[in-house]
Amino acid sequence: MEVQALTRNAHMSPKKMREVANTITGRKAADAVDLLTLIPRKSARLIVKTLKSAIANAENNNNVSADSLVVKYAIIEQGLVIKRFKAGARGTAKPRRKRMSHIRIVLSDNN
């Protein structure tokens, strides 16, 4: 059985998030939570919140124990892009793109 959790519009670029998300694919859910709490990055904190939500979804909605869950995949998708401008030389405007991302974590039991 597959269970998922989704966080939308996390204020961090997908490229930075994917570096951390690729480390937990294929691991047991409890081990992935422990690993993410040791990584000192903002992306790890955002991903661990989504992972804990997926574990809670499995326990409460589908009566699956957390010990049997494995991270099937963690997908980081491109979200909204906020476009801003910063003053440049000679009165010009330099564009700034503030990227957001969607975090999707899918857990499956070992069956």
PDB file of N, CA and C in Angstrom:
ATOM      1  N   MET A   1       0.843  -1.169   0.000  1.00  0.00           N
ATOM      2  CA  MET A   1       0.000   0.000   0.000  1.00  0.00           C
ATOM      3  C   MET A   1       0.889   1.234   0.000  1.00  0.00           C
ATOM      4  N   GLU A   2       0.498   2.211  -0.771  1.00  0.00           N
ATOM      5  CA  GLU A   2       1.262   3.447  -0.863  1.00  0.00           C
ATOM      6  C   GLU A   2       0.521   4.582  -0.171  1.00  0.00           C
ATOM      7  N   VAL A   3       1.285   5.380   0.548  1.00  0.00           N
ATOM      8  CA  VAL A   3       0.759   6.540   1.253  1.00  0.00           C
ATOM      9  C   VAL A   3       1.634   7.722   0.886  1.00  0.00           C
ATOM     10  N   GLN A   4       1.029   8.876   0.689  1.00  0.00           N
ATOM     11  CA  GLN A   4       1.829  10.030   0.304  1.00  0.00           C
ATOM     12  C   GLN A   4       1.463  11.256   1.118  1.00  0.00           C
ATOM     13  N   ALA A   5       2.380  12.207   1.115  1.00  0.00           N
ATOM     14  CA  ALA A   5       2.155  13.518   1.715  1.00  0.00           C
ATOM     15  C   ALA A   5       2.724  14.553   0.758  1.00  0.00           C
ATOM     16  N   LEU A   6       2.101  15.717   0.722  1.00  0.00           N
ATOM     17  CA  LEU A   6       2.477  16.754  -0.234  1.00  0.00           C
ATOM     18  C   LEU A   6       2.564  18.097   0.490  1.00  0.00           C
ATOM     19  N   THR A   7       3.663  18.782   0.288  1.00  0.00           N
ATOM     20  CA  THR A   7       3.815  20.150   0.770  1.00  0.00           C
ATOM     21  C   THR A   7       3.965  21.034  -0.447  1.00  0.00           C
ATOM     22  N   ARG A   8       3.133  22.040  -0.543  1.00  0.00           N
ATOM     23  CA  ARG A   8       3.166  22.913  -1.710  1.00  0.00           C
ATOM     24  C   ARG A   8       3.773  24.261  -1.344  1.00  0.00           C
ATOM     25  N   ASN A   9       4.456  24.841  -2.325  1.00  0.00           N
ATOM     26  CA  ASN A   9       5.015  26.190  -2.237  1.00  0.00           C
ATOM     27  C   ASN A   9       5.958  26.373  -1.051  1.00  0.00           C
ATOM     28  N   ALA A  10       6.885  25.443  -0.890  1.00  0.00           N
ATOM     29  CA  ALA A  10       7.938  25.603   0.113  1.00  0.00           C
ATOM     30  C   ALA A  10       8.931  26.633  -0.416  1.00  0.00           C
ATOM     31  N   HIS A  11       9.310  27.581   0.403  1.00  0.00           N
ATOM     32  CA  HIS A  11      10.146  28.700  -0.038  1.00  0.00           C
ATOM     33  C   HIS A  11      11.616  28.310  -0.116  1.00  0.00           C
ATOM     34  N   MET A  12      11.930  27.464  -1.076  1.00  0.00           N
ATOM     35  CA  MET A  12      13.305  27.082  -1.356  1.00  0.00           C
ATOM     36  C   MET A  12      13.344  26.528  -2.766  1.00  0.00           C
ATOM     37  N   SER A  13      14.449  26.747  -3.440  1.00  0.00           N
ATOM     38  CA  SER A  13      14.546  26.316  -4.829  1.00  0.00           C
ATOM     39  C   SER A  13      14.603  24.789  -4.911  1.00  0.00           C
ATOM     40  N   PRO A  14      14.042  24.217  -5.966  1.00  0.00           N
ATOM     41  CA  PRO A  14      14.016  22.761  -6.099  1.00  0.00           C
ATOM     42  C   PRO A  14      15.407  22.144  -6.203  1.00  0.00           C
ATOM     43  N   LYS A  15      16.345  22.863  -6.775  1.00  0.00           N
ATOM     44  CA  LYS A  15      17.703  22.332  -6.928  1.00  0.00           C
ATOM     45  C   LYS A  15      18.349  22.072  -5.566  1.00  0.00           C
ATOM     46  N   LYS A  16      18.135  22.986  -4.619  1.00  0.00           N
ATOM     47  CA  LYS A  16      18.684  22.811  -3.280  1.00  0.00           C
ATOM     48  C   LYS A  16      17.972  21.690  -2.530  1.00  0.00           C
ATOM     49  N   MET A  17      16.677  21.556  -2.775  1.00  0.00           N
ATOM     50  CA  MET A  17      15.903  20.528  -2.077  1.00  0.00           C
ATOM     51  C   MET A  17      16.237  19.124  -2.580  1.00  0.00           C
ATOM     52  N   ARG A  18      16.486  18.986  -3.878  1.00  0.00           N
ATOM     53  CA  ARG A  18      16.749  17.663  -4.454  1.00  0.00           C
ATOM     54  C   ARG A  18      18.023  17.034  -3.915  1.00  0.00           C
ATOM     55  N   GLU A  19      19.011  17.856  -3.562  1.00  0.00           N
ATOM     56  CA  GLU A  19      20.253  17.322  -3.007  1.00  0.00           C
ATOM     57  C   GLU A  19      19.995  16.527  -1.736  1.00  0.00           C
ATOM     58  N   VAL A  20      19.087  17.000  -0.902  1.00  0.00           N
ATOM     59  CA  VAL A  20      18.778  16.315   0.348  1.00  0.00           C
ATOM     60  C   VAL A  20      17.764  15.198   0.122  1.00  0.00           C
ATOM     61  N   ALA A  21      16.799  15.412  -0.760  1.00  0.00           N
ATOM     62  CA  ALA A  21      15.743  14.427  -0.979  1.00  0.00           C
ATOM     63  C   ALA A  21      16.280  13.138  -1.586  1.00  0.00           C
ATOM     64  N   ASN A  22      17.334  13.223  -2.368  1.00  0.00           N
ATOM     65  CA  ASN A  22      17.891  12.018  -2.983  1.00  0.00           C
ATOM     66  C   ASN A  22      18.565  11.109  -1.973  1.00  0.00           C
ATOM     67  N   THR A  23      18.904  11.615  -0.796  1.00  0.00           N
ATOM     68  CA  THR A  23      19.576  10.786   0.202  1.00  0.00           C
ATOM     69  C   THR A  23      18.628   9.844   0.935  1.00  0.00           C
ATOM     70  N   ILE A  24      17.319  10.107   0.909  1.00  0.00           N
ATOM     71  CA  ILE A  24      16.404   9.280   1.703  1.00  0.00           C
ATOM     72  C   ILE A  24      15.643   8.255   0.873  1.00  0.00           C
ATOM     73  N   THR A  25      15.754   8.301  -0.437  1.00  0.00           N
ATOM     74  CA  THR A  25      15.013   7.360  -1.272  1.00  0.00           C
ATOM     75  C   THR A  25      15.511   5.944  -1.021  1.00  0.00           C
ATOM     76  N   GLY A  26      14.574   5.024  -0.741  1.00  0.00           N
ATOM     77  CA  GLY A  26      14.911   3.629  -0.510  1.00  0.00           C
ATOM     78  C   GLY A  26      15.194   3.276   0.936  1.00  0.00           C
ATOM     79  N   ARG A  27      15.227   4.234   1.824  1.00  0.00           N
ATOM     80  CA  ARG A  27      15.500   3.971   3.234  1.00  0.00           C
ATOM     81  C   ARG A  27      14.207   3.700   3.992  1.00  0.00           C
ATOM     82  N   LYS A  28      14.331   3.082   5.165  1.00  0.00           N
ATOM     83  CA  LYS A  28      13.183   2.942   6.050  1.00  0.00           C
ATOM     84  C   LYS A  28      12.784   4.328   6.536  1.00  0.00           C
ATOM     85  N   ALA A  29      11.503   4.502   6.791  1.00  0.00           N
ATOM     86  CA  ALA A  29      10.994   5.827   7.141  1.00  0.00           C
ATOM     87  C   ALA A  29      11.600   6.341   8.444  1.00  0.00           C
ATOM     88  N   ALA A  30      11.730   5.474   9.444  1.00  0.00           N
ATOM     89  CA  ALA A  30      12.299   5.901  10.727  1.00  0.00           C
ATOM     90  C   ALA A  30      13.769   6.290  10.574  1.00  0.00           C
ATOM     91  N   ASP A  31      14.505   5.531   9.756  1.00  0.00           N
ATOM     92  CA  ASP A  31      15.915   5.856   9.518  1.00  0.00           C
ATOM     93  C   ASP A  31      16.047   7.170   8.749  1.00  0.00           C
ATOM     94  N   ALA A  32      15.126   7.413   7.829  1.00  0.00           N
ATOM     95  CA  ALA A  32      15.159   8.656   7.049  1.00  0.00           C
ATOM     96  C   ALA A  32      14.902   9.868   7.933  1.00  0.00           C
ATOM     97  N   VAL A  33      13.996   9.736   8.908  1.00  0.00           N
ATOM     98  CA  VAL A  33      13.732  10.840   9.835  1.00  0.00           C
ATOM     99  C   VAL A  33      14.976  11.124  10.668  1.00  0.00           C
ATOM    100  N   ASP A  34      15.625  10.066  11.157  1.00  0.00           N
ATOM    101  CA  ASP A  34      16.843  10.250  11.947  1.00  0.00           C
ATOM    102  C   ASP A  34      17.947  10.911  11.129  1.00  0.00           C
ATOM    103  N   LEU A  35      18.097  10.484   9.879  1.00  0.00           N
ATOM    104  CA  LEU A  35      19.131  11.049   9.019  1.00  0.00           C
ATOM    105  C   LEU A  35      18.866  12.520   8.725  1.00  0.00           C
ATOM    106  N   LEU A  36      17.609  12.865   8.447  1.00  0.00           N
ATOM    107  CA  LEU A  36      17.279  14.248   8.108  1.00  0.00           C
ATOM    108  C   LEU A  36      17.427  15.196   9.296  1.00  0.00           C
ATOM    109  N   THR A  37      17.215  14.687  10.508  1.00  0.00           N
ATOM    110  CA  THR A  37      17.379  15.560  11.672  1.00  0.00           C
ATOM    111  C   THR A  37      18.845  15.895  11.920  1.00  0.00           C
ATOM    112  N   LEU A  38      19.762  15.095  11.383  1.00  0.00           N
ATOM    113  CA  LEU A  38      21.186  15.355  11.562  1.00  0.00           C
ATOM    114  C   LEU A  38      21.765  16.273  10.492  1.00  0.00           C
ATOM    115  N   ILE A  39      21.041  16.480   9.392  1.00  0.00           N
ATOM    116  CA  ILE A  39      21.539  17.320   8.306  1.00  0.00           C
ATOM    117  C   ILE A  39      21.223  18.784   8.627  1.00  0.00           C
ATOM    118  N   PRO A  40      22.243  19.657   8.709  1.00  0.00           N
ATOM    119  CA  PRO A  40      22.003  21.043   9.124  1.00  0.00           C
ATOM    120  C   PRO A  40      21.637  21.966   7.970  1.00  0.00           C
ATOM    121  N   ARG A  41      20.562  21.658   7.276  1.00  0.00           N
ATOM    122  CA  ARG A  41      20.128  22.498   6.157  1.00  0.00           C
ATOM    123  C   ARG A  41      18.636  22.766   6.288  1.00  0.00           C
ATOM    124  N   LYS A  42      18.202  23.898   5.744  1.00  0.00           N
ATOM    125  CA  LYS A  42      16.791  24.261   5.790  1.00  0.00           C
ATOM    126  C   LYS A  42      15.958  23.262   5.008  1.00  0.00           C
ATOM    127  N   SER A  43      16.480  22.778   3.894  1.00  0.00           N
ATOM    128  CA  SER A  43      15.737  21.824   3.079  1.00  0.00           C
ATOM    129  C   SER A  43      15.474  20.531   3.840  1.00  0.00           C
ATOM    130  N   ALA A  44      16.394  20.118   4.690  1.00  0.00           N
ATOM    131  CA  ALA A  44      16.189  18.911   5.488  1.00  0.00           C
ATOM    132  C   ALA A  44      15.046  19.104   6.474  1.00  0.00           C
ATOM    133  N   ARG A  45      14.950  20.304   7.056  1.00  0.00           N
ATOM    134  CA  ARG A  45      13.852  20.569   7.990  1.00  0.00           C
ATOM    135  C   ARG A  45      12.501  20.543   7.281  1.00  0.00           C
ATOM    136  N   LEU A  46      12.434  21.080   6.063  1.00  0.00           N
ATOM    137  CA  LEU A  46      11.171  21.074   5.317  1.00  0.00           C
ATOM    138  C   LEU A  46      10.788  19.657   4.887  1.00  0.00           C
ATOM    139  N   ILE A  47      11.762  18.865   4.482  1.00  0.00           N
ATOM    140  CA  ILE A  47      11.484  17.506   4.025  1.00  0.00           C
ATOM    141  C   ILE A  47      11.080  16.604   5.184  1.00  0.00           C
ATOM    142  N   VAL A  48      11.701  16.786   6.356  1.00  0.00           N
ATOM    143  CA  VAL A  48      11.348  15.939   7.494  1.00  0.00           C
ATOM    144  C   VAL A  48       9.926  16.218   7.970  1.00  0.00           C
ATOM    145  N   LYS A  49       9.448  17.457   7.844  1.00  0.00           N
ATOM    146  CA  LYS A  49       8.057  17.744   8.197  1.00  0.00           C
ATOM    147  C   LYS A  49       7.098  16.995   7.278  1.00  0.00           C
ATOM    148  N   THR A  50       7.409  16.968   5.987  1.00  0.00           N
ATOM    149  CA  THR A  50       6.564  16.254   5.037  1.00  0.00           C
ATOM    150  C   THR A  50       6.636  14.756   5.271  1.00  0.00           C
ATOM    151  N   LEU A  51       7.817  14.249   5.602  1.00  0.00           N
ATOM    152  CA  LEU A  51       7.982  12.821   5.866  1.00  0.00           C
ATOM    153  C   LEU A  51       7.201  12.399   7.102  1.00  0.00           C
ATOM    154  N   LYS A  52       7.244  13.202   8.154  1.00  0.00           N
ATOM    155  CA  LYS A  52       6.470  12.881   9.357  1.00  0.00           C
ATOM    156  C   LYS A  52       4.973  12.920   9.075  1.00  0.00           C
ATOM    157  N   SER A  53       4.555  13.818   8.195  1.00  0.00           N
ATOM    158  CA  SER A  53       3.143  13.876   7.813  1.00  0.00           C
ATOM    159  C   SER A  53       2.737  12.617   7.056  1.00  0.00           C
ATOM    160  N   ALA A  54       3.605  12.118   6.189  1.00  0.00           N
ATOM    161  CA  ALA A  54       3.303  10.889   5.451  1.00  0.00           C
ATOM    162  C   ALA A  54       3.224   9.693   6.397  1.00  0.00           C
ATOM    163  N   ILE A  55       4.103   9.650   7.388  1.00  0.00           N
ATOM    164  CA  ILE A  55       4.061   8.563   8.371  1.00  0.00           C
ATOM    165  C   ILE A  55       2.765   8.620   9.174  1.00  0.00           C
ATOM    166  N   ALA A  56       2.352   9.820   9.567  1.00  0.00           N
ATOM    167  CA  ALA A  56       1.104   9.982  10.310  1.00  0.00           C
ATOM    168  C   ALA A  56      -0.102   9.596   9.452  1.00  0.00           C
ATOM    169  N   ASN A  57      -0.050   9.923   8.148  1.00  0.00           N
ATOM    170  CA  ASN A  57      -1.133   9.517   7.254  1.00  0.00           C
ATOM    171  C   ASN A  57      -1.245   8.000   7.193  1.00  0.00           C
ATOM    172  N   ALA A  58      -0.125   7.313   7.147  1.00  0.00           N
ATOM    173  CA  ALA A  58      -0.143   5.852   7.076  1.00  0.00           C
ATOM    174  C   ALA A  58      -0.693   5.244   8.355  1.00  0.00           C
ATOM    175  N   GLU A  59      -0.292   5.795   9.497  1.00  0.00           N
ATOM    176  CA  GLU A  59      -0.747   5.232  10.771  1.00  0.00           C
ATOM    177  C   GLU A  59      -2.221   5.510  11.033  1.00  0.00           C
ATOM    178  N   ASN A  60      -2.666   6.738  10.769  1.00  0.00           N
ATOM    179  CA  ASN A  60      -4.028   7.120  11.136  1.00  0.00           C
ATOM    180  C   ASN A  60      -5.069   6.736  10.092  1.00  0.00           C
ATOM    181  N   ASN A  61      -4.747   6.854   8.820  1.00  0.00           N
ATOM    182  CA  ASN A  61      -5.746   6.615   7.789  1.00  0.00           C
ATOM    183  C   ASN A  61      -5.765   5.174   7.294  1.00  0.00           C
ATOM    184  N   ASN A  62      -4.604   4.496   7.307  1.00  0.00           N
ATOM    185  CA  ASN A  62      -4.527   3.163   6.713  1.00  0.00           C
ATOM    186  C   ASN A  62      -4.128   2.073   7.690  1.00  0.00           C
ATOM    187  N   ASN A  63      -3.960   2.405   8.963  1.00  0.00           N
ATOM    188  CA  ASN A  63      -3.603   1.439  10.008  1.00  0.00           C
ATOM    189  C   ASN A  63      -2.364   0.625   9.658  1.00  0.00           C
ATOM    190  N   VAL A  64      -1.337   1.294   9.172  1.00  0.00           N
ATOM    191  CA  VAL A  64      -0.066   0.656   8.853  1.00  0.00           C
ATOM    192  C   VAL A  64       0.938   1.105   9.897  1.00  0.00           C
ATOM    193  N   SER A  65       1.725   0.155  10.421  1.00  0.00           N
ATOM    194  CA  SER A  65       2.722   0.531  11.431  1.00  0.00           C
ATOM    195  C   SER A  65       3.886   1.264  10.779  1.00  0.00           C
ATOM    196  N   ALA A  66       4.465   2.173  11.518  1.00  0.00           N
ATOM    197  CA  ALA A  66       5.552   2.991  10.987  1.00  0.00           C
ATOM    198  C   ALA A  66       6.826   2.186  10.771  1.00  0.00           C
ATOM    199  N   ASP A  67       6.951   1.038  11.449  1.00  0.00           N
ATOM    200  CA  ASP A  67       8.164   0.224  11.320  1.00  0.00           C
ATOM    201  C   ASP A  67       8.279  -0.445   9.961  1.00  0.00           C
ATOM    202  N   SER A  68       7.159  -0.663   9.299  1.00  0.00           N
ATOM    203  CA  SER A  68       7.192  -1.378   8.022  1.00  0.00           C
ATOM    204  C   SER A  68       7.236  -0.450   6.812  1.00  0.00           C
ATOM    205  N   LEU A  69       7.327   0.856   7.037  1.00  0.00           N
ATOM    206  CA  LEU A  69       7.279   1.803   5.927  1.00  0.00           C
ATOM    207  C   LEU A  69       8.670   2.079   5.351  1.00  0.00           C
ATOM    208  N   VAL A  70       8.719   2.188   4.025  1.00  0.00           N
ATOM    209  CA  VAL A  70       9.944   2.502   3.296  1.00  0.00           C
ATOM    210  C   VAL A  70       9.640   3.695   2.394  1.00  0.00           C
ATOM    211  N   VAL A  71      10.607   4.601   2.258  1.00  0.00           N
ATOM    212  CA  VAL A  71      10.447   5.746   1.363  1.00  0.00           C
ATOM    213  C   VAL A  71      10.592   5.241  -0.064  1.00  0.00           C
ATOM    214  N   LYS A  72       9.483   5.184  -0.780  1.00  0.00           N
ATOM    215  CA  LYS A  72       9.532   4.698  -2.157  1.00  0.00           C
ATOM    216  C   LYS A  72      10.212   5.723  -3.050  1.00  0.00           C
ATOM    217  N   TYR A  73       9.758   6.955  -2.980  1.00  0.00           N
ATOM    218  CA  TYR A  73      10.460   8.042  -3.655  1.00  0.00           C
ATOM    219  C   TYR A  73      10.073   9.376  -3.040  1.00  0.00           C
ATOM    220  N   ALA A  74      10.983  10.328  -3.184  1.00  0.00           N
ATOM    221  CA  ALA A  74      10.769  11.699  -2.736  1.00  0.00           C
ATOM    222  C   ALA A  74      10.992  12.592  -3.944  1.00  0.00           C
ATOM    223  N   ILE A  75       9.927  13.235  -4.388  1.00  0.00           N
ATOM    224  CA  ILE A  75       9.987  14.046  -5.594  1.00  0.00           C
ATOM    225  C   ILE A  75       9.901  15.519  -5.201  1.00  0.00           C
ATOM    226  N   ILE A  76      10.790  16.313  -5.765  1.00  0.00           N
ATOM    227  CA  ILE A  76      10.760  17.758  -5.572  1.00  0.00           C
ATOM    228  C   ILE A  76      10.431  18.375  -6.928  1.00  0.00           C
ATOM    229  N   GLU A  77       9.304  19.059  -6.994  1.00  0.00           N
ATOM    230  CA  GLU A  77       8.837  19.639  -8.251  1.00  0.00           C
ATOM    231  C   GLU A  77       8.946  21.164  -8.193  1.00  0.00           C
ATOM    232  N   GLN A  78       9.024  21.763  -9.361  1.00  0.00           N
ATOM    233  CA  GLN A  78       9.080  23.228  -9.469  1.00  0.00           C
ATOM    234  C   GLN A  78       7.737  23.819  -9.057  1.00  0.00           C
ATOM    235  N   GLY A  79       7.758  24.819  -8.204  1.00  0.00           N
ATOM    236  CA  GLY A  79       6.551  25.495  -7.769  1.00  0.00           C
ATOM    237  C   GLY A  79       6.450  26.872  -8.399  1.00  0.00           C
ATOM    238  N   LEU A  80       5.869  27.788  -7.672  1.00  0.00           N
ATOM    239  CA  LEU A  80       5.729  29.148  -8.149  1.00  0.00           C
ATOM    240  C   LEU A  80       7.085  29.846  -8.222  1.00  0.00           C
ATOM    241  N   VAL A  81       7.166  30.857  -9.057  1.00  0.00           N
ATOM    242  CA  VAL A  81       8.358  31.700  -9.124  1.00  0.00           C
ATOM    243  C   VAL A  81       7.902  33.138  -8.912  1.00  0.00           C
ATOM    244  N   ILE A  82       8.381  33.738  -7.838  1.00  0.00           N
ATOM    245  CA  ILE A  82       8.071  35.133  -7.564  1.00  0.00           C
ATOM    246  C   ILE A  82       9.128  35.982  -8.251  1.00  0.00           C
ATOM    247  N   LYS A  83       8.702  36.910  -9.067  1.00  0.00           N
ATOM    248  CA  LYS A  83       9.646  37.741  -9.806  1.00  0.00           C
ATOM    249  C   LYS A  83       9.761  39.102  -9.132  1.00  0.00           C
ATOM    250  N   ARG A  84      10.987  39.447  -8.786  1.00  0.00           N
ATOM    251  CA  ARG A  84      11.291  40.730  -8.154  1.00  0.00           C
ATOM    252  C   ARG A  84      12.412  41.403  -8.931  1.00  0.00           C
ATOM    253  N   PHE A  85      12.634  42.673  -8.662  1.00  0.00           N
ATOM    254  CA  PHE A  85      13.708  43.413  -9.312  1.00  0.00           C
ATOM    255  C   PHE A  85      14.553  44.092  -8.262  1.00  0.00           C
ATOM    256  N   LYS A  86      15.847  44.161  -8.533  1.00  0.00           N
ATOM    257  CA  LYS A  86      16.794  44.842  -7.661  1.00  0.00           C
ATOM    258  C   LYS A  86      17.497  45.910  -8.475  1.00  0.00           C
ATOM    259  N   ALA A  87      17.778  47.031  -7.846  1.00  0.00           N
ATOM    260  CA  ALA A  87      18.418  48.128  -8.554  1.00  0.00           C
ATOM    261  C   ALA A  87      19.810  47.733  -9.015  1.00  0.00           C
ATOM    262  N   GLY A  88      20.110  48.064 -10.259  1.00  0.00           N
ATOM    263  CA  GLY A  88      21.418  47.780 -10.821  1.00  0.00           C
ATOM    264  C   GLY A  88      22.160  49.053 -11.141  1.00  0.00           C
ATOM    265  N   ALA A  89      23.251  48.913 -11.845  1.00  0.00           N
ATOM    266  CA  ALA A  89      24.077  50.065 -12.184  1.00  0.00           C
ATOM    267  C   ALA A  89      23.368  50.951 -13.207  1.00  0.00           C
ATOM    268  N   ARG A  90      23.617  52.255 -13.114  1.00  0.00           N
ATOM    269  CA  ARG A  90      23.087  53.246 -14.057  1.00  0.00           C
ATOM    270  C   ARG A  90      21.562  53.252 -14.145  1.00  0.00           C
ATOM    271  N   GLY A  91      20.918  52.981 -13.057  1.00  0.00           N
ATOM    272  CA  GLY A  91      19.461  53.062 -13.028  1.00  0.00           C
ATOM    273  C   GLY A  91      18.749  51.896 -13.671  1.00  0.00           C
ATOM    274  N   THR A  92      19.430  50.807 -13.928  1.00  0.00           N
ATOM    275  CA  THR A  92      18.782  49.648 -14.527  1.00  0.00           C
ATOM    276  C   THR A  92      18.180  48.761 -13.440  1.00  0.00           C
ATOM    277  N   ALA A  93      17.343  47.846 -13.843  1.00  0.00           N
ATOM    278  CA  ALA A  93      16.724  46.907 -12.920  1.00  0.00           C
ATOM    279  C   ALA A  93      17.212  45.504 -13.245  1.00  0.00           C
ATOM    280  N   LYS A  94      17.697  44.803 -12.229  1.00  0.00           N
ATOM    281  CA  LYS A  94      18.174  43.435 -12.402  1.00  0.00           C
ATOM    282  C   LYS A  94      17.112  42.480 -11.869  1.00  0.00           C
ATOM    283  N   PRO A  95      16.692  41.500 -12.670  1.00  0.00           N
ATOM    284  CA  PRO A  95      15.643  40.583 -12.216  1.00  0.00           C
ATOM    285  C   PRO A  95      16.146  39.605 -11.163  1.00  0.00           C
ATOM    286  N   ARG A  96      15.283  39.277 -10.221  1.00  0.00           N
ATOM    287  CA  ARG A  96      15.536  38.259  -9.213  1.00  0.00           C
ATOM    288  C   ARG A  96      14.374  37.291  -9.277  1.00  0.00           C
ATOM    289  N   ARG A  97      14.674  36.000  -9.302  1.00  0.00           N
ATOM    290  CA  ARG A  97      13.628  34.982  -9.325  1.00  0.00           C
ATOM    291  C   ARG A  97      13.681  34.211  -8.018  1.00  0.00           C
ATOM    292  N   LYS A  98      12.621  34.305  -7.246  1.00  0.00           N
ATOM    293  CA  LYS A  98      12.535  33.589  -5.977  1.00  0.00           C
ATOM    294  C   LYS A  98      11.704  32.332  -6.214  1.00  0.00           C
ATOM    295  N   ARG A  99      12.385  31.213  -6.262  1.00  0.00           N
ATOM    296  CA  ARG A  99      11.739  29.954  -6.639  1.00  0.00           C
ATOM    297  C   ARG A  99      11.157  29.244  -5.421  1.00  0.00           C
ATOM    298  N   MET A 100      10.064  28.525  -5.671  1.00  0.00           N
ATOM    299  CA  MET A 100       9.433  27.697  -4.652  1.00  0.00           C
ATOM    300  C   MET A 100       9.356  26.278  -5.190  1.00  0.00           C
ATOM    301  N   SER A 101       9.063  25.344  -4.307  1.00  0.00           N
ATOM    302  CA  SER A 101       9.012  23.952  -4.738  1.00  0.00           C
ATOM    303  C   SER A 101       7.892  23.209  -4.035  1.00  0.00           C
ATOM    304  N   HIS A 102       7.479  22.109  -4.659  1.00  0.00           N
ATOM    305  CA  HIS A 102       6.493  21.202  -4.085  1.00  0.00           C
ATOM    306  C   HIS A 102       7.228  19.933  -3.673  1.00  0.00           C
ATOM    307  N   ILE A 103       6.950  19.455  -2.452  1.00  0.00           N
ATOM    308  CA  ILE A 103       7.587  18.252  -1.936  1.00  0.00           C
ATOM    309  C   ILE A 103       6.543  17.146  -1.912  1.00  0.00           C
ATOM    310  N   ARG A 104       6.833  16.038  -2.585  1.00  0.00           N
ATOM    311  CA  ARG A 104       5.937  14.876  -2.578  1.00  0.00           C
ATOM    312  C   ARG A 104       6.731  13.669  -2.105  1.00  0.00           C
ATOM    313  N   ILE A 105       6.290  13.065  -1.002  1.00  0.00           N
ATOM    314  CA  ILE A 105       6.947  11.879  -0.464  1.00  0.00           C
ATOM    315  C   ILE A 105       5.949  10.741  -0.466  1.00  0.00           C
ATOM    316  N   VAL A 106       6.357   9.629  -1.063  1.00  0.00           N
ATOM    317  CA  VAL A 106       5.510   8.438  -1.152  1.00  0.00           C
ATOM    318  C   VAL A 106       6.158   7.325  -0.352  1.00  0.00           C
ATOM    319  N   LEU A 107       5.401   6.769   0.587  1.00  0.00           N
ATOM    320  CA  LEU A 107       5.857   5.659   1.409  1.00  0.00           C
ATOM    321  C   LEU A 107       5.110   4.404   1.005  1.00  0.00           C
ATOM    322  N   SER A 108       5.777   3.263   1.121  1.00  0.00           N
ATOM    323  CA  SER A 108       5.099   1.979   0.864  1.00  0.00           C
ATOM    324  C   SER A 108       5.518   1.005   1.938  1.00  0.00           C
ATOM    325  N   ASP A 109       4.638   0.047   2.210  1.00  0.00           N
ATOM    326  CA  ASP A 109       5.025  -0.986   3.169  1.00  0.00           C
ATOM    327  C   ASP A 109       5.805  -2.072   2.432  1.00  0.00           C
ATOM    328  N   ASN A 110       6.405  -2.956   3.181  1.00  0.00           N
ATOM    329  CA  ASN A 110       7.316  -3.941   2.581  1.00  0.00           C
ATOM    330  C   ASN A 110       6.624  -5.044   1.811  1.00  0.00           C
ATOM    331  N   ASN A 111       5.322  -5.115   1.854  1.00  0.00           N
ATOM    332  CA  ASN A 111       4.608  -6.213   1.170  1.00  0.00           C
ATOM    333  C   ASN A 111       4.734  -6.152  -0.317  1.00  0.00           C
TER     334      ASN A 111
END
